[in-house]
Amino acid sequence: MTKANTKTNAGADMDAETKTGVKAESDVKVNAATEGVLRVSGAELYYEVRGSGPLLLVSQSGEGTAGRSVDLVDRLAEDYTVVTYDRRGLSRSALPQGRGVTMEEHADDVHRLLAELTSEPAIVVGLSLGASIGLHLAVRHPEQVSVLVAHEPVTPRLLPAAERDRHERELTEIQETYRREGLLPALAEVARVLGIDPASQDREPGLTPQPGLTERADDFEFFLTHDLAAIVGDTFDPAALAGPAGSGPRGGAGPRIVPVTGRTTPRTVFDHRCAEELGTLLGTEPAEFPGGHNGNLTHPAAWAARLREVLGEVAGGQPGQITTRA
């Protein structure tokens, strides 16, 4: 069951690739949001709903909560009913101290949230960890997803064995850095592994001011301690995905899956390689989106426009039907 009320947009999460911006009052678009809390297995999931139209769920990256990607969501809410949420373990979906999470639990949470909000297949926009969650959802509950836009999933099992092992070690080393040296050195390693340049000034003007690191310390703690462990321990089987010639679970067609890379993400880093390998597995070229790994935060207007283009191509049959198999 859920409880709900309404609020307006107020800020979003800061990221290693974004800096606080100042938006002129005349440029601010206020979108009324309905807030809800859904009881899921072992947790309560906070979520927000904005806009009207076909349902589009954004599954965020990193320590991102429902307020992340606020500038992107405002633009998408013009045409879609946009759902965002705090992943279990973060902010208003907090878990008891010391309790971890699995990728299967994350995917089950999205399954239950979508079941609460709609009986129709939804568009899922997955960002980094959110894209990895989306892959699990597409395999386990394909009837709930019409399109999965998978922006640079952090799914080591998409990679060849030796490369996968190397990147899993990198993620484990980030956790060790956090335990030994604290948050800032760990975030520097996250940026290096994902190909993020914190010094880059390439961003759109007028971004919504975002909270600082201190305000998000608990969420970073959960992400670096438990979410990274979930990524390294992920049991996702790429063989569950098939290209256009495959058959869906129980013989039915699954969702269309669109692998996405950031235009400025280095070609050799972990997240870009995962998107490339996903494209190879599905028999399709990854779509390129503005910005880098966090282009949804640094280039929200261009990112929204590109997303609309890609969804239009999918509706027109351009990328081909992607199916899943058990």
C-alpha atoms as a PDB file:
ATOM      1  CA  MET A   1       0.000   0.000   0.000  1.00  0.00           C
ATOM      2  CA  THR A   2       1.054   3.595  -0.481  1.00  0.00           C
ATOM      3  CA  LYS A   3       0.592   6.934   1.154  1.00  0.00           C
ATOM      4  CA  ALA A   4       0.896  10.042  -0.979  1.00  0.00           C
ATOM      5  CA  ASN A   5       0.883  13.815  -1.004  1.00  0.00           C
ATOM      6  CA  THR A   6       2.154  16.520  -3.328  1.00  0.00           C
ATOM      7  CA  LYS A   7       5.182  18.786  -3.381  1.00  0.00           C
ATOM      8  CA  THR A   8       7.249  20.797  -5.838  1.00  0.00           C
ATOM      9  CA  ASN A   9      10.731  20.132  -7.170  1.00  0.00           C
ATOM     10  CA  ALA A  10      13.465  21.272  -4.820  1.00  0.00           C
ATOM     11  CA  GLY A  11      17.010  20.447  -5.769  1.00  0.00           C
ATOM     12  CA  ALA A  12      18.832  17.304  -6.849  1.00  0.00           C
ATOM     13  CA  ASP A  13      21.942  15.349  -6.037  1.00  0.00           C
ATOM     14  CA  MET A  14      25.388  16.644  -6.829  1.00  0.00           C
ATOM     15  CA  ASP A  15      27.710  14.350  -8.755  1.00  0.00           C
ATOM     16  CA  ALA A  16      31.436  14.116  -9.443  1.00  0.00           C
ATOM     17  CA  GLU A  17      30.688  15.480 -12.927  1.00  0.00           C
ATOM     18  CA  THR A  18      28.389  18.340 -11.863  1.00  0.00           C
ATOM     19  CA  LYS A  19      28.799  21.567  -9.947  1.00  0.00           C
ATOM     20  CA  THR A  20      26.223  23.808  -8.317  1.00  0.00           C
ATOM     21  CA  GLY A  21      24.544  26.033 -10.871  1.00  0.00           C
ATOM     22  CA  VAL A  22      22.220  28.992 -10.461  1.00  0.00           C
ATOM     23  CA  LYS A  23      18.994  29.015 -12.406  1.00  0.00           C
ATOM     24  CA  ALA A  24      17.285  32.333 -13.034  1.00  0.00           C
ATOM     25  CA  GLU A  25      13.820  32.552 -11.511  1.00  0.00           C
ATOM     26  CA  SER A  26      12.229  33.006 -14.935  1.00  0.00           C
ATOM     27  CA  ASP A  27      13.831  29.745 -16.136  1.00  0.00           C
ATOM     28  CA  VAL A  28      12.572  27.580 -13.274  1.00  0.00           C
ATOM     29  CA  LYS A  29       9.776  25.207 -14.226  1.00  0.00           C
ATOM     30  CA  VAL A  30       7.847  24.086 -11.159  1.00  0.00           C
ATOM     31  CA  ASN A  31       6.360  20.618 -11.509  1.00  0.00           C
ATOM     32  CA  ALA A  32       3.921  19.472  -8.873  1.00  0.00           C
ATOM     33  CA  ALA A  33       4.905  16.032  -7.641  1.00  0.00           C
ATOM     34  CA  THR A  34       2.890  13.348  -5.934  1.00  0.00           C
ATOM     35  CA  GLU A  35       4.902  11.639  -3.193  1.00  0.00           C
ATOM     36  CA  GLY A  36       4.273   8.088  -2.110  1.00  0.00           C
ATOM     37  CA  VAL A  37       5.694   5.363   0.114  1.00  0.00           C
ATOM     38  CA  LEU A  38       5.289   1.749  -0.977  1.00  0.00           C
ATOM     39  CA  ARG A  39       5.810  -1.205   1.319  1.00  0.00           C
ATOM     40  CA  VAL A  40       8.042  -3.730  -0.435  1.00  0.00           C
ATOM     41  CA  SER A  41       9.754  -6.859   0.791  1.00  0.00           C
ATOM     42  CA  GLY A  42      11.812  -5.844   3.844  1.00  0.00           C
ATOM     43  CA  ALA A  43      11.694  -2.108   3.158  1.00  0.00           C
ATOM     44  CA  GLU A  44       9.597   0.964   2.409  1.00  0.00           C
ATOM     45  CA  LEU A  45      10.217   2.646  -0.941  1.00  0.00           C
ATOM     46  CA  TYR A  46       9.799   6.410  -1.301  1.00  0.00           C
ATOM     47  CA  TYR A  47       8.798   7.617  -4.767  1.00  0.00           C
ATOM     48  CA  GLU A  48       7.622  10.697  -6.663  1.00  0.00           C
ATOM     49  CA  VAL A  49       5.374  11.052  -9.710  1.00  0.00           C
ATOM     50  CA  ARG A  50       5.307  14.080 -12.022  1.00  0.00           C
ATOM     51  CA  GLY A  51       3.692  15.006 -15.303  1.00  0.00           C
ATOM     52  CA  SER A  52       1.176  13.179 -17.477  1.00  0.00           C
ATOM     53  CA  GLY A  53       1.280  10.787 -20.400  1.00  0.00           C
ATOM     54  CA  PRO A  54       2.843   7.341 -20.829  1.00  0.00           C
ATOM     55  CA  LEU A  55       4.591   6.118 -17.677  1.00  0.00           C
ATOM     56  CA  LEU A  56       8.376   6.526 -17.703  1.00  0.00           C
ATOM     57  CA  LEU A  57      10.417   5.373 -14.709  1.00  0.00           C
ATOM     58  CA  VAL A  58      13.918   6.742 -14.126  1.00  0.00           C
ATOM     59  CA  SER A  59      16.209   4.396 -12.186  1.00  0.00           C
ATOM     60  CA  GLN A  60      19.043   6.590 -10.945  1.00  0.00           C
ATOM     61  CA  SER A  61      22.793   6.172 -10.760  1.00  0.00           C
ATOM     62  CA  GLY A  62      25.167   6.217  -7.805  1.00  0.00           C
ATOM     63  CA  GLU A  63      23.732   7.538  -4.577  1.00  0.00           C
ATOM     64  CA  GLY A  64      20.983   9.251  -6.561  1.00  0.00           C
ATOM     65  CA  THR A  65      17.579   9.617  -4.935  1.00  0.00           C
ATOM     66  CA  ALA A  66      14.221  10.663  -6.388  1.00  0.00           C
ATOM     67  CA  GLY A  67      15.415  14.268  -6.679  1.00  0.00           C
ATOM     68  CA  ARG A  68      18.372  13.442  -8.899  1.00  0.00           C
ATOM     69  CA  SER A  69      18.076  14.450 -12.581  1.00  0.00           C
ATOM     70  CA  VAL A  70      15.548  17.116 -11.602  1.00  0.00           C
ATOM     71  CA  ASP A  71      16.284  19.234 -14.695  1.00  0.00           C
ATOM     72  CA  LEU A  72      15.853  16.202 -16.957  1.00  0.00           C
ATOM     73  CA  VAL A  73      12.668  15.092 -15.197  1.00  0.00           C
ATOM     74  CA  ASP A  74      11.092  18.542 -15.559  1.00  0.00           C
ATOM     75  CA  ARG A  75      11.551  18.326 -19.308  1.00  0.00           C
ATOM     76  CA  LEU A  76      10.296  14.757 -19.596  1.00  0.00           C
ATOM     77  CA  ALA A  77       7.240  15.512 -17.440  1.00  0.00           C
ATOM     78  CA  GLU A  78       5.906  17.652 -20.298  1.00  0.00           C
ATOM     79  CA  ASP A  79       5.130  14.444 -22.217  1.00  0.00           C
ATOM     80  CA  TYR A  80       5.354  11.577 -19.725  1.00  0.00           C
ATOM     81  CA  THR A  81       4.219  10.533 -16.282  1.00  0.00           C
ATOM     82  CA  VAL A  82       7.708  10.384 -14.767  1.00  0.00           C
ATOM     83  CA  VAL A  83       8.371   8.190 -11.738  1.00  0.00           C
ATOM     84  CA  THR A  84      11.529   8.566  -9.658  1.00  0.00           C
ATOM     85  CA  TYR A  85      12.338   6.911  -6.351  1.00  0.00           C
ATOM     86  CA  ASP A  86      14.878   6.503  -3.575  1.00  0.00           C
ATOM     87  CA  ARG A  87      16.468   3.071  -3.972  1.00  0.00           C
ATOM     88  CA  ARG A  88      16.298   0.900  -0.874  1.00  0.00           C
ATOM     89  CA  GLY A  89      19.041   1.949   1.527  1.00  0.00           C
ATOM     90  CA  LEU A  90      19.008   5.612   0.440  1.00  0.00           C
ATOM     91  CA  SER A  91      17.498   8.646   2.154  1.00  0.00           C
ATOM     92  CA  ARG A  92      13.749   8.150   2.604  1.00  0.00           C
ATOM     93  CA  SER A  93      14.012   4.424   1.748  1.00  0.00           C
ATOM     94  CA  ALA A  94      16.595   3.813   4.472  1.00  0.00           C
ATOM     95  CA  LEU A  95      17.299   0.335   5.828  1.00  0.00           C
ATOM     96  CA  PRO A  96      18.397  -0.676   9.335  1.00  0.00           C
ATOM     97  CA  GLN A  97      22.083  -0.001  10.011  1.00  0.00           C
ATOM     98  CA  GLY A  98      24.350  -2.641   8.499  1.00  0.00           C
ATOM     99  CA  ARG A  99      21.746  -4.238   6.271  1.00  0.00           C
ATOM    100  CA  GLY A 100      22.856  -4.715   2.667  1.00  0.00           C
ATOM    101  CA  VAL A 101      21.100  -5.237  -0.643  1.00  0.00           C
ATOM    102  CA  THR A 102      21.241  -7.406  -3.758  1.00  0.00           C
ATOM    103  CA  MET A 103      20.578  -6.550  -7.381  1.00  0.00           C
ATOM    104  CA  GLU A 104      17.637  -8.942  -7.290  1.00  0.00           C
ATOM    105  CA  GLU A 105      16.112  -6.942  -4.433  1.00  0.00           C
ATOM    106  CA  HIS A 106      16.607  -3.690  -6.322  1.00  0.00           C
ATOM    107  CA  ALA A 107      14.877  -5.159  -9.382  1.00  0.00           C
ATOM    108  CA  ASP A 108      12.053  -6.585  -7.282  1.00  0.00           C
ATOM    109  CA  ASP A 109      11.491  -3.141  -5.778  1.00  0.00           C
ATOM    110  CA  VAL A 110      11.023  -1.637  -9.251  1.00  0.00           C
ATOM    111  CA  HIS A 111       8.752  -4.527 -10.210  1.00  0.00           C
ATOM    112  CA  ARG A 112       6.533  -3.825  -7.198  1.00  0.00           C
ATOM    113  CA  LEU A 113       6.582  -0.070  -7.764  1.00  0.00           C
ATOM    114  CA  LEU A 114       5.500  -0.425 -11.388  1.00  0.00           C
ATOM    115  CA  ALA A 115       2.805  -2.930 -10.393  1.00  0.00           C
ATOM    116  CA  GLU A 116       1.495  -0.375  -7.907  1.00  0.00           C
ATOM    117  CA  LEU A 117       1.326   2.436 -10.449  1.00  0.00           C
ATOM    118  CA  THR A 118       0.270   0.852 -13.749  1.00  0.00           C
ATOM    119  CA  SER A 119      -1.033  -2.285 -15.399  1.00  0.00           C
ATOM    120  CA  GLU A 120       0.638  -1.360 -18.706  1.00  0.00           C
ATOM    121  CA  PRO A 121       4.253  -1.845 -19.840  1.00  0.00           C
ATOM    122  CA  ALA A 122       6.369   1.191 -18.933  1.00  0.00           C
ATOM    123  CA  ILE A 123       9.405   2.915 -20.383  1.00  0.00           C
ATOM    124  CA  VAL A 124      12.390   2.447 -18.062  1.00  0.00           C
ATOM    125  CA  VAL A 125      15.377   4.802 -18.291  1.00  0.00           C
ATOM    126  CA  GLY A 126      18.236   3.181 -16.401  1.00  0.00           C
ATOM    127  CA  LEU A 127      21.344   5.178 -15.548  1.00  0.00           C
ATOM    128  CA  SER A 128      24.527   3.322 -14.569  1.00  0.00           C
ATOM    129  CA  LEU A 129      23.459   1.181 -11.599  1.00  0.00           C
ATOM    130  CA  GLY A 130      19.883   1.952 -12.609  1.00  0.00           C
ATOM    131  CA  ALA A 131      20.559   0.419 -16.038  1.00  0.00           C
ATOM    132  CA  SER A 132      21.858  -2.738 -14.370  1.00  0.00           C
ATOM    133  CA  ILE A 133      18.657  -2.890 -12.315  1.00  0.00           C
ATOM    134  CA  GLY A 134      16.698  -2.409 -15.532  1.00  0.00           C
ATOM    135  CA  LEU A 135      18.386  -5.413 -17.147  1.00  0.00           C
ATOM    136  CA  HIS A 136      17.328  -7.618 -14.236  1.00  0.00           C
ATOM    137  CA  LEU A 137      13.782  -6.260 -14.486  1.00  0.00           C
ATOM    138  CA  ALA A 138      13.623  -6.823 -18.257  1.00  0.00           C
ATOM    139  CA  VAL A 139      14.591 -10.478 -17.803  1.00  0.00           C
ATOM    140  CA  ARG A 140      12.521 -11.230 -14.704  1.00  0.00           C
ATOM    141  CA  HIS A 141       9.413  -9.191 -15.567  1.00  0.00           C
ATOM    142  CA  PRO A 142       9.506  -8.460 -19.315  1.00  0.00           C
ATOM    143  CA  GLU A 143       5.761  -7.818 -19.402  1.00  0.00           C
ATOM    144  CA  GLN A 144       6.292  -4.666 -17.322  1.00  0.00           C
ATOM    145  CA  VAL A 145       8.792  -2.993 -19.665  1.00  0.00           C
ATOM    146  CA  SER A 146       8.052  -1.678 -23.150  1.00  0.00           C
ATOM    147  CA  VAL A 147      11.481  -0.074 -23.638  1.00  0.00           C
ATOM    148  CA  LEU A 148      14.617  -0.138 -21.495  1.00  0.00           C
ATOM    149  CA  VAL A 149      17.078   2.652 -22.230  1.00  0.00           C
ATOM    150  CA  ALA A 150      20.257   1.315 -20.594  1.00  0.00           C
ATOM    151  CA  HIS A 151      22.790   4.123 -20.206  1.00  0.00           C
ATOM    152  CA  GLU A 152      26.229   2.666 -19.436  1.00  0.00           C
ATOM    153  CA  PRO A 153      25.166  -0.202 -17.146  1.00  0.00           C
ATOM    154  CA  VAL A 154      27.668  -1.188 -14.470  1.00  0.00           C
ATOM    155  CA  THR A 155      27.283  -4.920 -15.007  1.00  0.00           C
ATOM    156  CA  PRO A 156      30.658  -6.689 -15.022  1.00  0.00           C
ATOM    157  CA  ARG A 157      29.121  -9.956 -16.221  1.00  0.00           C
ATOM    158  CA  LEU A 158      28.486  -8.373 -19.625  1.00  0.00           C
ATOM    159  CA  LEU A 159      32.263  -8.377 -20.165  1.00  0.00           C
ATOM    160  CA  PRO A 160      34.687 -11.143 -21.206  1.00  0.00           C
ATOM    161  CA  ALA A 161      35.938 -13.067 -18.161  1.00  0.00           C
ATOM    162  CA  ALA A 162      39.404 -11.506 -17.797  1.00  0.00           C
ATOM    163  CA  GLU A 163      38.076  -7.975 -18.280  1.00  0.00           C
ATOM    164  CA  ARG A 164      35.211  -8.661 -15.892  1.00  0.00           C
ATOM    165  CA  ASP A 165      37.592  -9.848 -13.171  1.00  0.00           C
ATOM    166  CA  ARG A 166      39.754  -6.747 -13.569  1.00  0.00           C
ATOM    167  CA  HIS A 167      36.837  -4.357 -13.233  1.00  0.00           C
ATOM    168  CA  GLU A 168      35.353  -6.249 -10.294  1.00  0.00           C
ATOM    169  CA  ARG A 169      38.708  -5.814  -8.561  1.00  0.00           C
ATOM    170  CA  GLU A 170      38.545  -2.081  -9.310  1.00  0.00           C
ATOM    171  CA  LEU A 171      35.169  -1.840  -7.615  1.00  0.00           C
ATOM    172  CA  THR A 172      36.401  -3.772  -4.591  1.00  0.00           C
ATOM    173  CA  GLU A 173      39.427  -1.470  -4.382  1.00  0.00           C
ATOM    174  CA  ILE A 174      37.076   1.548  -4.305  1.00  0.00           C
ATOM    175  CA  GLN A 175      35.440   0.057  -1.222  1.00  0.00           C
ATOM    176  CA  GLU A 176      38.837  -0.522   0.381  1.00  0.00           C
ATOM    177  CA  THR A 177      39.845   3.072  -0.379  1.00  0.00           C
ATOM    178  CA  TYR A 178      36.659   4.311   1.268  1.00  0.00           C
ATOM    179  CA  ARG A 179      37.325   2.261   4.421  1.00  0.00           C
ATOM    180  CA  ARG A 180      40.968   3.357   4.637  1.00  0.00           C
ATOM    181  CA  GLU A 181      40.917   6.948   3.441  1.00  0.00           C
ATOM    182  CA  GLY A 182      37.334   8.212   3.475  1.00  0.00           C
ATOM    183  CA  LEU A 183      34.823   9.656   1.052  1.00  0.00           C
ATOM    184  CA  LEU A 184      36.780  12.069  -1.143  1.00  0.00           C
ATOM    185  CA  PRO A 185      39.548   9.616  -2.155  1.00  0.00           C
ATOM    186  CA  ALA A 186      36.891   6.984  -2.838  1.00  0.00           C
ATOM    187  CA  LEU A 187      34.908   9.365  -5.055  1.00  0.00           C
ATOM    188  CA  ALA A 188      38.083  10.194  -6.957  1.00  0.00           C
ATOM    189  CA  GLU A 189      38.455   6.470  -7.687  1.00  0.00           C
ATOM    190  CA  VAL A 190      34.809   6.219  -8.746  1.00  0.00           C
ATOM    191  CA  ALA A 191      35.398   9.061 -11.209  1.00  0.00           C
ATOM    192  CA  ARG A 192      38.538   7.388 -12.577  1.00  0.00           C
ATOM    193  CA  VAL A 193      36.906   3.981 -13.019  1.00  0.00           C
ATOM    194  CA  LEU A 194      33.831   5.434 -14.732  1.00  0.00           C
ATOM    195  CA  GLY A 195      35.736   7.919 -16.885  1.00  0.00           C
ATOM    196  CA  ILE A 196      34.311  11.044 -15.240  1.00  0.00           C
ATOM    197  CA  ASP A 197      36.329  14.257 -15.365  1.00  0.00           C
ATOM    198  CA  PRO A 198      35.324  16.335 -12.300  1.00  0.00           C
ATOM    199  CA  ALA A 199      37.179  19.365 -13.683  1.00  0.00           C
ATOM    200  CA  SER A 200      35.233  19.458 -16.945  1.00  0.00           C
ATOM    201  CA  GLN A 201      33.253  22.639 -17.529  1.00  0.00           C
ATOM    202  CA  ASP A 202      31.201  21.061 -20.315  1.00  0.00           C
ATOM    203  CA  ARG A 203      27.652  21.510 -19.058  1.00  0.00           C
ATOM    204  CA  GLU A 204      24.498  23.376 -19.938  1.00  0.00           C
ATOM    205  CA  PRO A 205      23.874  26.705 -18.215  1.00  0.00           C
ATOM    206  CA  GLY A 206      21.296  27.255 -15.507  1.00  0.00           C
ATOM    207  CA  LEU A 207      21.401  23.883 -13.772  1.00  0.00           C
ATOM    208  CA  THR A 208      19.387  23.533 -10.573  1.00  0.00           C
ATOM    209  CA  PRO A 209      21.515  24.052  -7.424  1.00  0.00           C
ATOM    210  CA  GLN A 210      22.364  20.736  -5.864  1.00  0.00           C
ATOM    211  CA  PRO A 211      23.123  19.609  -2.290  1.00  0.00           C
ATOM    212  CA  GLY A 212      26.701  19.099  -1.193  1.00  0.00           C
ATOM    213  CA  LEU A 213      28.578  16.006  -0.110  1.00  0.00           C
ATOM    214  CA  THR A 214      27.870  16.431   3.609  1.00  0.00           C
ATOM    215  CA  GLU A 215      24.124  16.283   3.022  1.00  0.00           C
ATOM    216  CA  ARG A 216      24.542  13.017   1.135  1.00  0.00           C
ATOM    217  CA  ALA A 217      27.120  11.350   3.375  1.00  0.00           C
ATOM    218  CA  ASP A 218      24.760   8.577   4.508  1.00  0.00           C
ATOM    219  CA  ASP A 219      23.700   7.820   0.939  1.00  0.00           C
ATOM    220  CA  PHE A 220      27.321   7.698  -0.206  1.00  0.00           C
ATOM    221  CA  GLU A 221      28.038   5.355   2.703  1.00  0.00           C
ATOM    222  CA  PHE A 222      25.335   2.950   1.541  1.00  0.00           C
ATOM    223  CA  PHE A 223      26.325   3.191  -2.126  1.00  0.00           C
ATOM    224  CA  LEU A 224      30.038   2.607  -1.531  1.00  0.00           C
ATOM    225  CA  THR A 225      29.531  -0.077   1.098  1.00  0.00           C
ATOM    226  CA  HIS A 226      26.487  -2.015  -0.059  1.00  0.00           C
ATOM    227  CA  ASP A 227      25.572  -1.088  -3.646  1.00  0.00           C
ATOM    228  CA  LEU A 228      29.112  -1.687  -4.903  1.00  0.00           C
ATOM    229  CA  ALA A 229      29.064  -5.045  -3.121  1.00  0.00           C
ATOM    230  CA  ALA A 230      25.791  -5.838  -4.921  1.00  0.00           C
ATOM    231  CA  ILE A 231      27.377  -4.982  -8.292  1.00  0.00           C
ATOM    232  CA  VAL A 232      30.440  -7.166  -7.639  1.00  0.00           C
ATOM    233  CA  GLY A 233      28.244 -10.004  -6.362  1.00  0.00           C
ATOM    234  CA  ASP A 234      25.717  -9.666  -9.202  1.00  0.00           C
ATOM    235  CA  THR A 235      24.632 -12.994 -10.692  1.00  0.00           C
ATOM    236  CA  PHE A 236      23.101 -11.527 -13.869  1.00  0.00           C
ATOM    237  CA  ASP A 237      23.319 -14.004 -16.745  1.00  0.00           C
ATOM    238  CA  PRO A 238      23.825 -12.291 -20.129  1.00  0.00           C
ATOM    239  CA  ALA A 239      22.557 -15.461 -21.812  1.00  0.00           C
ATOM    240  CA  ALA A 240      19.090 -14.452 -20.571  1.00  0.00           C
ATOM    241  CA  LEU A 241      19.163 -11.731 -23.236  1.00  0.00           C
ATOM    242  CA  ALA A 242      18.840 -12.538 -26.916  1.00  0.00           C
ATOM    243  CA  GLY A 243      18.911 -10.500 -30.117  1.00  0.00           C
ATOM    244  CA  PRO A 244      16.091  -9.982 -32.629  1.00  0.00           C
ATOM    245  CA  ALA A 245      15.993 -13.668 -33.580  1.00  0.00           C
ATOM    246  CA  GLY A 246      15.494 -14.891 -30.009  1.00  0.00           C
ATOM    247  CA  SER A 247      12.290 -15.863 -28.224  1.00  0.00           C
ATOM    248  CA  GLY A 248      10.961 -14.270 -25.065  1.00  0.00           C
ATOM    249  CA  PRO A 249      10.222 -15.940 -21.742  1.00  0.00           C
ATOM    250  CA  ARG A 250       7.544 -18.576 -22.153  1.00  0.00           C
ATOM    251  CA  GLY A 251       7.642 -17.857 -25.871  1.00  0.00           C
ATOM    252  CA  GLY A 252       6.610 -14.193 -25.632  1.00  0.00           C
ATOM    253  CA  ALA A 253       8.413 -11.136 -26.938  1.00  0.00           C
ATOM    254  CA  GLY A 254      10.247  -9.035 -24.363  1.00  0.00           C
ATOM    255  CA  PRO A 255      11.014  -5.327 -24.183  1.00  0.00           C
ATOM    256  CA  ARG A 256      13.131  -3.382 -26.611  1.00  0.00           C
ATOM    257  CA  ILE A 257      16.497  -2.691 -24.998  1.00  0.00           C
ATOM    258  CA  VAL A 258      18.535   0.292 -26.166  1.00  0.00           C
ATOM    259  CA  PRO A 259      22.192   0.317 -25.021  1.00  0.00           C
ATOM    260  CA  VAL A 260      23.468   3.877 -24.571  1.00  0.00           C
ATOM    261  CA  THR A 261      26.928   5.425 -24.248  1.00  0.00           C
ATOM    262  CA  GLY A 262      27.901   8.960 -23.277  1.00  0.00           C
ATOM    263  CA  ARG A 263      29.542  10.970 -26.037  1.00  0.00           C
ATOM    264  CA  THR A 264      32.503  11.981 -23.856  1.00  0.00           C
ATOM    265  CA  THR A 265      32.905   8.775 -21.837  1.00  0.00           C
ATOM    266  CA  PRO A 266      36.337   7.278 -22.636  1.00  0.00           C
ATOM    267  CA  ARG A 267      35.969   4.183 -24.818  1.00  0.00           C
ATOM    268  CA  THR A 268      38.126   1.973 -22.638  1.00  0.00           C
ATOM    269  CA  VAL A 269      36.492   2.470 -19.227  1.00  0.00           C
ATOM    270  CA  PHE A 270      34.281  -0.025 -17.446  1.00  0.00           C
ATOM    271  CA  ASP A 271      30.854   1.519 -18.028  1.00  0.00           C
ATOM    272  CA  HIS A 272      31.390   2.283 -21.724  1.00  0.00           C
ATOM    273  CA  ARG A 273      32.662  -1.243 -22.316  1.00  0.00           C
ATOM    274  CA  CYS A 274      29.569  -2.702 -20.624  1.00  0.00           C
ATOM    275  CA  ALA A 275      27.299  -0.719 -22.970  1.00  0.00           C
ATOM    276  CA  GLU A 276      29.357  -1.856 -25.964  1.00  0.00           C
ATOM    277  CA  GLU A 277      29.149  -5.503 -24.957  1.00  0.00           C
ATOM    278  CA  LEU A 278      25.419  -5.183 -24.316  1.00  0.00           C
ATOM    279  CA  GLY A 279      25.029  -3.850 -27.851  1.00  0.00           C
ATOM    280  CA  THR A 280      27.059  -6.754 -29.244  1.00  0.00           C
ATOM    281  CA  LEU A 281      24.949  -9.237 -27.303  1.00  0.00           C
ATOM    282  CA  LEU A 282      21.734  -7.700 -28.624  1.00  0.00           C
ATOM    283  CA  GLY A 283      23.006  -7.234 -32.159  1.00  0.00           C
ATOM    284  CA  THR A 284      22.594  -3.455 -32.146  1.00  0.00           C
ATOM    285  CA  GLU A 285      24.849  -0.411 -32.037  1.00  0.00           C
ATOM    286  CA  PRO A 286      24.658   1.617 -28.810  1.00  0.00           C
ATOM    287  CA  ALA A 287      22.963   4.978 -29.143  1.00  0.00           C
ATOM    288  CA  GLU A 288      25.178   7.931 -28.243  1.00  0.00           C
ATOM    289  CA  PHE A 289      23.814  10.523 -25.827  1.00  0.00           C
ATOM    290  CA  PRO A 290      25.146  14.010 -24.914  1.00  0.00           C
ATOM    291  CA  GLY A 291      27.745  14.357 -22.165  1.00  0.00           C
ATOM    292  CA  GLY A 292      29.516  11.560 -20.368  1.00  0.00           C
ATOM    293  CA  HIS A 293      28.526   9.055 -17.717  1.00  0.00           C
ATOM    294  CA  ASN A 294      26.409  11.738 -16.011  1.00  0.00           C
ATOM    295  CA  GLY A 295      25.156  13.472 -19.128  1.00  0.00           C
ATOM    296  CA  ASN A 296      21.626  13.370 -17.753  1.00  0.00           C
ATOM    297  CA  LEU A 297      22.832  15.794 -15.069  1.00  0.00           C
ATOM    298  CA  THR A 298      25.183  17.994 -17.092  1.00  0.00           C
ATOM    299  CA  HIS A 299      23.166  18.217 -20.335  1.00  0.00           C
ATOM    300  CA  PRO A 300      19.516  17.674 -19.346  1.00  0.00           C
ATOM    301  CA  ALA A 301      17.957  19.591 -22.265  1.00  0.00           C
ATOM    302  CA  ALA A 302      20.054  17.858 -24.923  1.00  0.00           C
ATOM    303  CA  TRP A 303      19.677  14.538 -23.124  1.00  0.00           C
ATOM    304  CA  ALA A 304      15.871  14.838 -23.050  1.00  0.00           C
ATOM    305  CA  ALA A 305      15.816  15.725 -26.741  1.00  0.00           C
ATOM    306  CA  ARG A 306      18.012  12.735 -27.608  1.00  0.00           C
ATOM    307  CA  LEU A 307      15.864  10.435 -25.482  1.00  0.00           C
ATOM    308  CA  ARG A 308      12.763  11.555 -27.370  1.00  0.00           C
ATOM    309  CA  GLU A 309      14.553  10.832 -30.660  1.00  0.00           C
ATOM    310  CA  VAL A 310      15.507   7.335 -29.538  1.00  0.00           C
ATOM    311  CA  LEU A 311      12.038   6.535 -28.209  1.00  0.00           C
ATOM    312  CA  GLY A 312      10.605   7.735 -31.509  1.00  0.00           C
ATOM    313  CA  GLU A 313      12.974   5.437 -33.407  1.00  0.00           C
ATOM    314  CA  VAL A 314      11.977   2.517 -31.209  1.00  0.00           C
ATOM    315  CA  ALA A 315       8.289   3.242 -31.771  1.00  0.00           C
ATOM    316  CA  GLY A 316       9.000   3.308 -35.512  1.00  0.00           C
ATOM    317  CA  GLY A 317      10.819  -0.008 -35.373  1.00  0.00           C
ATOM    318  CA  GLN A 318      14.308   1.369 -36.052  1.00  0.00           C
ATOM    319  CA  PRO A 319      16.370  -0.504 -33.422  1.00  0.00           C
ATOM    320  CA  GLY A 320      14.512  -3.787 -33.969  1.00  0.00           C
ATOM    321  CA  GLN A 321      12.590  -5.863 -31.465  1.00  0.00           C
ATOM    322  CA  ILE A 322      14.825  -7.027 -28.665  1.00  0.00           C
ATOM    323  CA  THR A 323      13.652 -10.121 -26.847  1.00  0.00           C
ATOM    324  CA  THR A 324      14.620 -12.009 -23.746  1.00  0.00           C
ATOM    325  CA  ARG A 325      14.777 -15.685 -23.046  1.00  0.00           C
ATOM    326  CA  ALA A 326      14.657 -17.710 -19.865  1.00  0.00           C
END
